[in-house]
Amino acid sequence: MVGWNRAMPGREAAANETFGKWQMFLMQEQGAGRIQGFEHYLIQAHGGDLNGFTMVKGSYSQLTALEGGEVFIQIITEAMHSMQDMGVTKAFTGEAMMNQMGRWQKVWAK
């Protein structure tokens, strides 16, 4: 998941340009089979600092390879220059989430 707050004042055009690069990059990665897919989300006003995010879908190894790639790092660097509160993290879903919950249950049982 790649999340953000809002464009920095005066850098809105750069933020918009970087988002276009991000969109094209993800489309290329999906077309090449290096990720399973992606979806962009904008969040309604809620008083928090997460106003939008992109959920990139893929296996753990696909996402790790994506994050380590030069193009990904360059795009995120550009986004950090024009967007407030940029963040990149992985999340568990489906079977991986159930496996992680099993790990937590073992810890909680101690």
N, C-alpha and C. Protein backbone atom coordinates (compact mmCIF):
# COMPACT_ATOMS: atom_id res chain seq x y z
N MET A 1 0.85 -1.17 0.00
CA MET A 1 0.00 0.00 0.00
C MET A 1 0.89 1.23 0.00
N VAL A 2 0.59 2.15 -0.89
CA VAL A 2 1.29 3.42 -0.94
C VAL A 2 0.25 4.49 -0.60
N GLY A 3 0.46 5.19 0.51
CA GLY A 3 -0.51 6.17 0.96
C GLY A 3 0.07 7.57 1.01
N TRP A 4 -0.82 8.56 1.00
CA TRP A 4 -0.40 9.95 1.03
C TRP A 4 -1.47 10.81 1.70
N ASN A 5 -1.07 12.02 2.06
CA ASN A 5 -1.98 12.98 2.64
C ASN A 5 -2.48 13.91 1.53
N ARG A 6 -1.70 14.93 1.21
CA ARG A 6 -2.08 15.88 0.16
C ARG A 6 -0.83 16.47 -0.47
N ALA A 7 -1.04 17.13 -1.60
CA ALA A 7 0.08 17.78 -2.27
C ALA A 7 0.59 18.93 -1.40
N MET A 8 1.90 19.12 -1.42
CA MET A 8 2.49 20.26 -0.72
C MET A 8 2.13 21.53 -1.48
N PRO A 9 1.82 22.61 -0.75
CA PRO A 9 1.47 23.86 -1.42
C PRO A 9 2.58 24.29 -2.38
N GLY A 10 2.18 24.64 -3.59
CA GLY A 10 3.13 25.05 -4.62
C GLY A 10 3.71 23.91 -5.42
N ARG A 11 3.43 22.68 -5.01
CA ARG A 11 3.98 21.52 -5.73
C ARG A 11 2.87 20.63 -6.31
N GLU A 12 1.69 21.20 -6.46
CA GLU A 12 0.56 20.44 -6.96
C GLU A 12 0.80 19.89 -8.37
N ALA A 13 1.40 20.68 -9.23
CA ALA A 13 1.66 20.22 -10.60
C ALA A 13 2.64 19.06 -10.60
N ALA A 14 3.67 19.15 -9.77
CA ALA A 14 4.64 18.05 -9.67
C ALA A 14 3.98 16.79 -9.12
N ALA A 15 3.09 16.96 -8.14
CA ALA A 15 2.38 15.81 -7.58
C ALA A 15 1.52 15.14 -8.65
N ASN A 16 0.84 15.94 -9.45
CA ASN A 16 -0.01 15.42 -10.51
C ASN A 16 0.83 14.68 -11.56
N GLU A 17 1.96 15.24 -11.93
CA GLU A 17 2.85 14.60 -12.90
C GLU A 17 3.37 13.27 -12.36
N THR A 18 3.75 13.26 -11.09
CA THR A 18 4.27 12.03 -10.48
C THR A 18 3.18 10.96 -10.41
N PHE A 19 1.94 11.38 -10.11
CA PHE A 19 0.84 10.40 -10.09
C PHE A 19 0.66 9.77 -11.46
N GLY A 20 0.80 10.56 -12.52
CA GLY A 20 0.72 10.00 -13.87
C GLY A 20 1.81 8.98 -14.13
N LYS A 21 3.03 9.27 -13.68
CA LYS A 21 4.14 8.30 -13.81
C LYS A 21 3.82 7.04 -13.04
N TRP A 22 3.28 7.20 -11.84
CA TRP A 22 2.91 6.07 -10.98
C TRP A 22 1.89 5.18 -11.68
N GLN A 23 0.86 5.81 -12.25
CA GLN A 23 -0.18 5.06 -12.97
C GLN A 23 0.42 4.28 -14.13
N MET A 24 1.24 4.92 -14.93
CA MET A 24 1.85 4.25 -16.09
C MET A 24 2.76 3.10 -15.65
N PHE A 25 3.54 3.34 -14.62
CA PHE A 25 4.45 2.31 -14.10
C PHE A 25 3.65 1.09 -13.65
N LEU A 26 2.59 1.30 -12.89
CA LEU A 26 1.80 0.17 -12.41
C LEU A 26 1.12 -0.58 -13.55
N MET A 27 0.66 0.14 -14.56
CA MET A 27 0.06 -0.52 -15.72
C MET A 27 1.09 -1.39 -16.44
N GLN A 28 2.32 -0.90 -16.56
CA GLN A 28 3.38 -1.68 -17.20
C GLN A 28 3.72 -2.92 -16.36
N GLU A 29 3.80 -2.75 -15.05
CA GLU A 29 4.13 -3.87 -14.17
C GLU A 29 3.03 -4.93 -14.23
N GLN A 30 1.79 -4.50 -14.24
CA GLN A 30 0.69 -5.45 -14.33
C GLN A 30 0.70 -6.16 -15.68
N GLY A 31 0.90 -5.41 -16.75
CA GLY A 31 0.93 -6.00 -18.09
C GLY A 31 2.04 -7.03 -18.25
N ALA A 32 3.15 -6.81 -17.55
CA ALA A 32 4.28 -7.74 -17.61
C ALA A 32 4.13 -8.90 -16.63
N GLY A 33 3.06 -8.89 -15.83
CA GLY A 33 2.83 -9.97 -14.87
C GLY A 33 3.68 -9.87 -13.61
N ARG A 34 4.28 -8.71 -13.38
CA ARG A 34 5.12 -8.55 -12.19
C ARG A 34 4.31 -8.18 -10.94
N ILE A 35 3.07 -7.73 -11.13
CA ILE A 35 2.11 -7.56 -10.04
C ILE A 35 0.78 -8.11 -10.53
N GLN A 36 -0.11 -8.43 -9.58
CA GLN A 36 -1.41 -8.97 -9.96
C GLN A 36 -2.39 -7.87 -10.34
N GLY A 37 -2.22 -6.69 -9.77
CA GLY A 37 -3.12 -5.59 -10.08
C GLY A 37 -2.91 -4.45 -9.10
N PHE A 38 -3.76 -3.42 -9.23
CA PHE A 38 -3.69 -2.28 -8.33
C PHE A 38 -5.00 -1.52 -8.40
N GLU A 39 -5.30 -0.77 -7.33
CA GLU A 39 -6.45 0.12 -7.28
C GLU A 39 -6.07 1.36 -6.52
N HIS A 40 -6.53 2.52 -7.02
CA HIS A 40 -6.32 3.79 -6.34
C HIS A 40 -7.57 4.11 -5.52
N TYR A 41 -7.40 4.72 -4.37
CA TYR A 41 -8.51 5.13 -3.52
C TYR A 41 -8.30 6.57 -3.06
N LEU A 42 -9.36 7.36 -3.08
CA LEU A 42 -9.37 8.66 -2.42
C LEU A 42 -10.34 8.56 -1.25
N ILE A 43 -9.93 9.08 -0.12
CA ILE A 43 -10.71 8.94 1.11
C ILE A 43 -11.47 10.24 1.37
N GLN A 44 -12.74 10.10 1.78
CA GLN A 44 -13.52 11.28 2.12
C GLN A 44 -12.89 12.00 3.31
N ALA A 45 -13.17 13.30 3.42
CA ALA A 45 -12.65 14.10 4.53
C ALA A 45 -13.03 13.45 5.86
N HIS A 46 -12.02 13.26 6.71
CA HIS A 46 -12.26 12.60 7.99
C HIS A 46 -11.38 13.15 9.11
N GLY A 47 -10.58 14.16 8.81
CA GLY A 47 -9.74 14.77 9.83
C GLY A 47 -8.41 14.08 10.05
N GLY A 48 -8.13 13.04 9.30
CA GLY A 48 -6.88 12.31 9.45
C GLY A 48 -5.86 12.73 8.41
N ASP A 49 -4.73 12.05 8.41
CA ASP A 49 -3.67 12.42 7.48
C ASP A 49 -3.49 11.41 6.34
N LEU A 50 -4.42 10.50 6.17
CA LEU A 50 -4.41 9.60 5.02
C LEU A 50 -5.59 9.99 4.14
N ASN A 51 -5.29 10.60 3.01
CA ASN A 51 -6.35 11.07 2.12
C ASN A 51 -6.46 10.27 0.84
N GLY A 52 -5.51 9.39 0.60
CA GLY A 52 -5.58 8.53 -0.56
C GLY A 52 -4.50 7.47 -0.49
N PHE A 53 -4.72 6.39 -1.23
CA PHE A 53 -3.71 5.34 -1.29
C PHE A 53 -3.91 4.50 -2.53
N THR A 54 -2.86 3.79 -2.89
CA THR A 54 -2.91 2.81 -3.96
C THR A 54 -2.64 1.46 -3.33
N MET A 55 -3.55 0.52 -3.55
CA MET A 55 -3.35 -0.84 -3.11
C MET A 55 -2.79 -1.62 -4.28
N VAL A 56 -1.53 -2.02 -4.16
CA VAL A 56 -0.87 -2.82 -5.19
C VAL A 56 -1.00 -4.27 -4.76
N LYS A 57 -1.48 -5.11 -5.64
CA LYS A 57 -1.75 -6.51 -5.31
C LYS A 57 -0.73 -7.43 -5.95
N GLY A 58 -0.26 -8.37 -5.16
CA GLY A 58 0.70 -9.34 -5.66
C GLY A 58 1.19 -10.21 -4.53
N SER A 59 2.01 -11.19 -4.86
CA SER A 59 2.60 -12.04 -3.83
C SER A 59 3.63 -11.24 -3.05
N TYR A 60 4.01 -11.76 -1.91
CA TYR A 60 5.02 -11.08 -1.10
C TYR A 60 6.30 -10.88 -1.90
N SER A 61 6.71 -11.90 -2.63
CA SER A 61 7.94 -11.78 -3.41
C SER A 61 7.79 -10.77 -4.55
N GLN A 62 6.61 -10.72 -5.19
CA GLN A 62 6.38 -9.72 -6.24
C GLN A 62 6.47 -8.31 -5.67
N LEU A 63 5.84 -8.08 -4.51
CA LEU A 63 5.84 -6.75 -3.92
C LEU A 63 7.22 -6.34 -3.42
N THR A 64 7.97 -7.31 -2.88
CA THR A 64 9.33 -7.02 -2.43
C THR A 64 10.21 -6.63 -3.61
N ALA A 65 10.07 -7.35 -4.72
CA ALA A 65 10.84 -7.02 -5.93
C ALA A 65 10.43 -5.65 -6.46
N LEU A 66 9.14 -5.36 -6.45
CA LEU A 66 8.66 -4.06 -6.92
C LEU A 66 9.28 -2.93 -6.10
N GLU A 67 9.23 -3.05 -4.78
CA GLU A 67 9.75 -2.00 -3.89
C GLU A 67 11.26 -1.81 -4.02
N GLY A 68 11.96 -2.84 -4.42
CA GLY A 68 13.41 -2.74 -4.57
C GLY A 68 13.86 -2.25 -5.93
N GLY A 69 12.92 -2.07 -6.84
CA GLY A 69 13.27 -1.67 -8.19
C GLY A 69 13.58 -0.18 -8.30
N GLU A 70 14.48 0.15 -9.20
CA GLU A 70 14.92 1.55 -9.36
C GLU A 70 13.78 2.48 -9.74
N VAL A 71 12.89 2.06 -10.63
CA VAL A 71 11.80 2.94 -11.06
C VAL A 71 10.86 3.22 -9.89
N PHE A 72 10.51 2.19 -9.13
CA PHE A 72 9.66 2.38 -7.95
C PHE A 72 10.29 3.37 -6.98
N ILE A 73 11.56 3.17 -6.68
CA ILE A 73 12.26 4.04 -5.74
C ILE A 73 12.29 5.48 -6.26
N GLN A 74 12.52 5.66 -7.54
CA GLN A 74 12.55 7.01 -8.13
C GLN A 74 11.18 7.68 -8.03
N ILE A 75 10.12 6.95 -8.36
CA ILE A 75 8.78 7.53 -8.31
C ILE A 75 8.41 7.90 -6.86
N ILE A 76 8.71 7.02 -5.92
CA ILE A 76 8.41 7.32 -4.52
C ILE A 76 9.22 8.52 -4.04
N THR A 77 10.46 8.63 -4.46
CA THR A 77 11.30 9.78 -4.10
C THR A 77 10.69 11.07 -4.64
N GLU A 78 10.25 11.04 -5.89
CA GLU A 78 9.60 12.22 -6.47
C GLU A 78 8.31 12.55 -5.73
N ALA A 79 7.54 11.54 -5.38
CA ALA A 79 6.29 11.76 -4.65
C ALA A 79 6.56 12.35 -3.27
N MET A 80 7.61 11.91 -2.61
CA MET A 80 7.94 12.45 -1.29
C MET A 80 8.30 13.93 -1.38
N HIS A 81 8.79 14.36 -2.52
CA HIS A 81 9.15 15.77 -2.72
C HIS A 81 7.91 16.65 -2.92
N SER A 82 6.81 16.06 -3.39
CA SER A 82 5.62 16.86 -3.70
C SER A 82 4.39 16.52 -2.86
N MET A 83 4.43 15.42 -2.11
CA MET A 83 3.27 15.00 -1.32
C MET A 83 3.62 14.95 0.17
N GLN A 84 2.67 15.32 1.00
CA GLN A 84 2.86 15.22 2.44
C GLN A 84 2.52 13.81 2.91
N ASP A 85 3.27 13.34 3.90
CA ASP A 85 2.97 12.09 4.60
C ASP A 85 2.89 10.87 3.68
N MET A 86 3.87 10.74 2.81
CA MET A 86 3.96 9.55 1.95
C MET A 86 4.34 8.35 2.80
N GLY A 87 3.78 7.20 2.49
CA GLY A 87 4.14 5.99 3.19
C GLY A 87 3.99 4.78 2.31
N VAL A 88 4.84 3.79 2.51
CA VAL A 88 4.79 2.53 1.78
C VAL A 88 4.83 1.41 2.82
N THR A 89 3.88 0.49 2.74
CA THR A 89 3.86 -0.63 3.66
C THR A 89 3.21 -1.83 2.99
N LYS A 90 3.44 -2.99 3.56
CA LYS A 90 2.78 -4.21 3.07
C LYS A 90 1.64 -4.55 4.03
N ALA A 91 0.66 -5.25 3.52
CA ALA A 91 -0.47 -5.71 4.32
C ALA A 91 -0.74 -7.17 3.99
N PHE A 92 -1.31 -7.87 4.93
CA PHE A 92 -1.68 -9.26 4.73
C PHE A 92 -3.16 -9.34 4.38
N THR A 93 -3.49 -10.25 3.46
CA THR A 93 -4.88 -10.50 3.11
C THR A 93 -5.03 -11.98 2.76
N GLY A 94 -6.26 -12.44 2.72
CA GLY A 94 -6.53 -13.82 2.33
C GLY A 94 -5.80 -14.83 3.20
N GLU A 95 -5.20 -15.84 2.58
CA GLU A 95 -4.50 -16.90 3.31
C GLU A 95 -3.33 -16.35 4.11
N ALA A 96 -2.62 -15.38 3.56
CA ALA A 96 -1.49 -14.78 4.28
C ALA A 96 -1.95 -14.10 5.55
N MET A 97 -3.12 -13.44 5.51
CA MET A 97 -3.67 -12.80 6.70
C MET A 97 -4.03 -13.85 7.75
N MET A 98 -4.62 -14.94 7.31
CA MET A 98 -4.99 -16.01 8.25
C MET A 98 -3.73 -16.61 8.88
N ASN A 99 -2.67 -16.79 8.10
CA ASN A 99 -1.40 -17.30 8.65
C ASN A 99 -0.84 -16.33 9.69
N GLN A 100 -0.90 -15.03 9.39
CA GLN A 100 -0.40 -14.04 10.33
C GLN A 100 -1.25 -14.02 11.60
N MET A 101 -2.54 -14.15 11.47
CA MET A 101 -3.42 -14.21 12.66
C MET A 101 -3.07 -15.43 13.50
N GLY A 102 -2.75 -16.54 12.86
CA GLY A 102 -2.32 -17.74 13.59
C GLY A 102 -1.06 -17.46 14.40
N ARG A 103 -0.14 -16.72 13.83
CA ARG A 103 1.08 -16.35 14.57
C ARG A 103 0.73 -15.50 15.78
N TRP A 104 -0.16 -14.51 15.57
CA TRP A 104 -0.57 -13.67 16.70
C TRP A 104 -1.27 -14.49 17.78
N GLN A 105 -2.11 -15.43 17.39
CA GLN A 105 -2.82 -16.25 18.37
C GLN A 105 -1.85 -17.06 19.21
N LYS A 106 -0.78 -17.55 18.61
CA LYS A 106 0.25 -18.27 19.37
C LYS A 106 0.92 -17.35 20.38
N VAL A 107 1.20 -16.12 19.96
CA VAL A 107 1.82 -15.15 20.88
C VAL A 107 0.86 -14.81 22.01
N TRP A 108 -0.40 -14.56 21.70
CA TRP A 108 -1.38 -14.18 22.70
C TRP A 108 -1.63 -15.29 23.71
N ALA A 109 -1.47 -16.53 23.27
CA ALA A 109 -1.72 -17.68 24.16
C ALA A 109 -0.64 -17.85 25.22
N LYS A 110 0.49 -17.19 25.07
CA LYS A 110 1.60 -17.34 26.01
C LYS A 110 1.33 -16.58 27.30
